[in-house]
Structures are given as structure tokens and as C-alpha cells.
Amino acid sequence: MMKLQDELQEIRDNFMQSIPPETADIMTGSMKEIAESGISERVRKTGDRAPGFSLPDVYGTMVSSQEFLSRGPLVISFYRGGW
């Protein structure tokens, strides 16, 4: 079975080969710049507590993280979308 990191690397490699070289160069440079910025040392880690927040649900009704946490653990997932 392939490790997740290996699978992600394969997906990235395939994607980078499918785009124009100048676009790949820009993306590679941007990824290097982000890695060198040290931002990964400042981001929240698994198990860290996030600040409370409120966001609209799919119906436009505001819901709060505290409301969900009162019912149990809260998992937040970000989806970039295909647009």
C-alpha cells in the first residue's frame, strides 16, 4: 500500500507535468518561498485550540463553533472547490 505522502507527491508530480513549464516554475518558486518563510512553524497543529468563530451555514443561518462543540468534537474541513 502506498503511503499518503507518496501518493500526494505522485499527484503533484503528475500535475506539474501537465501544466506549461513557465507556470510550473512560478508554482515551484512560490512553494519554495512559502517553505522558507517559516510559516509552517507558526500554523496551528493537530490538537491546538482554535478561537471561537461564527459562519453562515448552507442556508445563510449563522452558526457558531461553540454551538457545535457543545454537542461533541468539531472537525473543520476546507474544500477549495473545482471552480
C-alpha atoms as a PDB file:
ATOM      1  CA  MET A   1       0.000   0.000   0.000  1.00  0.00           C
ATOM      2  CA  MET A   2       1.299   3.473  -0.923  1.00  0.00           C
ATOM      3  CA  LYS A   3       1.890   5.961   1.904  1.00  0.00           C
ATOM      4  CA  LEU A   4      -0.230   9.105   1.781  1.00  0.00           C
ATOM      5  CA  GLN A   5       2.853  11.308   1.396  1.00  0.00           C
ATOM      6  CA  ASP A   6       3.996   9.245  -1.593  1.00  0.00           C
ATOM      7  CA  GLU A   7       0.527   9.384  -3.140  1.00  0.00           C
ATOM      8  CA  LEU A   8       0.365  13.159  -2.721  1.00  0.00           C
ATOM      9  CA  GLN A   9       3.829  13.523  -4.244  1.00  0.00           C
ATOM     10  CA  GLU A  10       2.738  11.452  -7.252  1.00  0.00           C
ATOM     11  CA  ILE A  11      -0.360  13.627  -7.723  1.00  0.00           C
ATOM     12  CA  ARG A  12       1.764  16.790  -7.515  1.00  0.00           C
ATOM     13  CA  ASP A  13       4.340  15.416  -9.951  1.00  0.00           C
ATOM     14  CA  ASN A  14       1.632  14.463 -12.464  1.00  0.00           C
ATOM     15  CA  PHE A  15       0.002  17.880 -12.140  1.00  0.00           C
ATOM     16  CA  MET A  16       3.288  19.743 -12.581  1.00  0.00           C
ATOM     17  CA  GLN A  17       3.964  17.770 -15.777  1.00  0.00           C
ATOM     18  CA  SER A  18       0.534  18.684 -17.155  1.00  0.00           C
ATOM     19  CA  ILE A  19       0.951  22.480 -16.954  1.00  0.00           C
ATOM     20  CA  PRO A  20       3.135  24.821 -19.030  1.00  0.00           C
ATOM     21  CA  PRO A  21       6.776  24.942 -17.832  1.00  0.00           C
ATOM     22  CA  GLU A  22       6.602  28.656 -17.007  1.00  0.00           C
ATOM     23  CA  THR A  23       3.562  28.042 -14.792  1.00  0.00           C
ATOM     24  CA  ALA A  24       5.344  25.123 -13.103  1.00  0.00           C
ATOM     25  CA  ASP A  25       8.361  27.378 -12.476  1.00  0.00           C
ATOM     26  CA  ILE A  26       6.172  30.027 -10.833  1.00  0.00           C
ATOM     27  CA  MET A  27       4.460  27.434  -8.650  1.00  0.00           C
ATOM     28  CA  THR A  28       7.757  25.808  -7.672  1.00  0.00           C
ATOM     29  CA  GLY A  29       9.205  29.197  -6.748  1.00  0.00           C
ATOM     30  CA  SER A  30       6.132  30.089  -4.715  1.00  0.00           C
ATOM     31  CA  MET A  31       6.214  26.760  -2.841  1.00  0.00           C
ATOM     32  CA  LYS A  32       9.905  27.294  -2.057  1.00  0.00           C
ATOM     33  CA  GLU A  33       9.211  30.839  -0.847  1.00  0.00           C
ATOM     34  CA  ILE A  34       6.433  29.606   1.438  1.00  0.00           C
ATOM     35  CA  ALA A  35       8.627  26.807   2.825  1.00  0.00           C
ATOM     36  CA  GLU A  36      11.478  29.233   3.519  1.00  0.00           C
ATOM     37  CA  SER A  37       9.169  31.772   5.199  1.00  0.00           C
ATOM     38  CA  GLY A  38       8.848  29.616   8.309  1.00  0.00           C
ATOM     39  CA  ILE A  39       5.067  29.853   8.262  1.00  0.00           C
ATOM     40  CA  SER A  40       4.688  26.112   8.868  1.00  0.00           C
ATOM     41  CA  GLU A  41       6.184  26.592  12.335  1.00  0.00           C
ATOM     42  CA  ARG A  42       3.506  29.201  13.181  1.00  0.00           C
ATOM     43  CA  VAL A  43       0.365  27.396  11.995  1.00  0.00           C
ATOM     44  CA  ARG A  44      -1.995  25.550  14.286  1.00  0.00           C
ATOM     45  CA  LYS A  45      -1.140  21.910  14.834  1.00  0.00           C
ATOM     46  CA  THR A  46      -3.336  18.887  15.424  1.00  0.00           C
ATOM     47  CA  GLY A  47      -4.893  19.231  18.861  1.00  0.00           C
ATOM     48  CA  ASP A  48      -4.375  23.003  19.129  1.00  0.00           C
ATOM     49  CA  ARG A  49      -7.402  25.022  20.186  1.00  0.00           C
ATOM     50  CA  ALA A  50      -8.783  27.413  17.610  1.00  0.00           C
ATOM     51  CA  PRO A  51     -10.504  30.664  18.523  1.00  0.00           C
ATOM     52  CA  GLY A  52     -14.300  30.659  18.516  1.00  0.00           C
ATOM     53  CA  PHE A  53     -15.996  31.712  15.296  1.00  0.00           C
ATOM     54  CA  SER A  54     -19.373  32.042  13.610  1.00  0.00           C
ATOM     55  CA  LEU A  55     -20.081  31.358   9.948  1.00  0.00           C
ATOM     56  CA  PRO A  56     -23.193  31.084   7.800  1.00  0.00           C
ATOM     57  CA  ASP A  57     -24.416  27.566   7.063  1.00  0.00           C
ATOM     58  CA  VAL A  58     -25.691  26.485   3.634  1.00  0.00           C
ATOM     59  CA  TYR A  59     -28.988  28.261   4.374  1.00  0.00           C
ATOM     60  CA  GLY A  60     -27.362  31.523   5.447  1.00  0.00           C
ATOM     61  CA  THR A  61     -28.094  30.987   9.143  1.00  0.00           C
ATOM     62  CA  MET A  62     -25.206  31.925  11.406  1.00  0.00           C
ATOM     63  CA  VAL A  63     -23.825  29.000  13.400  1.00  0.00           C
ATOM     64  CA  SER A  64     -21.048  29.123  15.969  1.00  0.00           C
ATOM     65  CA  SER A  65     -18.208  26.782  16.731  1.00  0.00           C
ATOM     66  CA  GLN A  66     -19.252  26.868  20.393  1.00  0.00           C
ATOM     67  CA  GLU A  67     -22.696  25.549  19.434  1.00  0.00           C
ATOM     68  CA  PHE A  68     -21.160  22.553  17.689  1.00  0.00           C
ATOM     69  CA  LEU A  69     -18.596  21.975  20.431  1.00  0.00           C
ATOM     70  CA  SER A  70     -21.390  21.749  22.988  1.00  0.00           C
ATOM     71  CA  ARG A  71     -22.519  18.601  21.122  1.00  0.00           C
ATOM     72  CA  GLY A  72     -19.065  16.986  20.907  1.00  0.00           C
ATOM     73  CA  PRO A  73     -15.797  17.247  18.969  1.00  0.00           C
ATOM     74  CA  LEU A  74     -15.705  19.589  15.991  1.00  0.00           C
ATOM     75  CA  VAL A  75     -13.880  18.816  12.758  1.00  0.00           C
ATOM     76  CA  ILE A  76     -13.325  21.635  10.268  1.00  0.00           C
ATOM     77  CA  SER A  77     -12.696  20.740   6.655  1.00  0.00           C
ATOM     78  CA  PHE A  78     -11.735  23.203   3.929  1.00  0.00           C
ATOM     79  CA  TYR A  79     -12.716  22.426   0.363  1.00  0.00           C
ATOM     80  CA  ARG A  80     -11.215  24.543  -2.369  1.00  0.00           C
ATOM     81  CA  GLY A  81     -13.794  23.539  -4.929  1.00  0.00           C
ATOM     82  CA  GLY A  82     -13.437  22.946  -8.626  1.00  0.00           C
ATOM     83  CA  TRP A  83     -14.240  26.417  -9.783  1.00  0.00           C
END
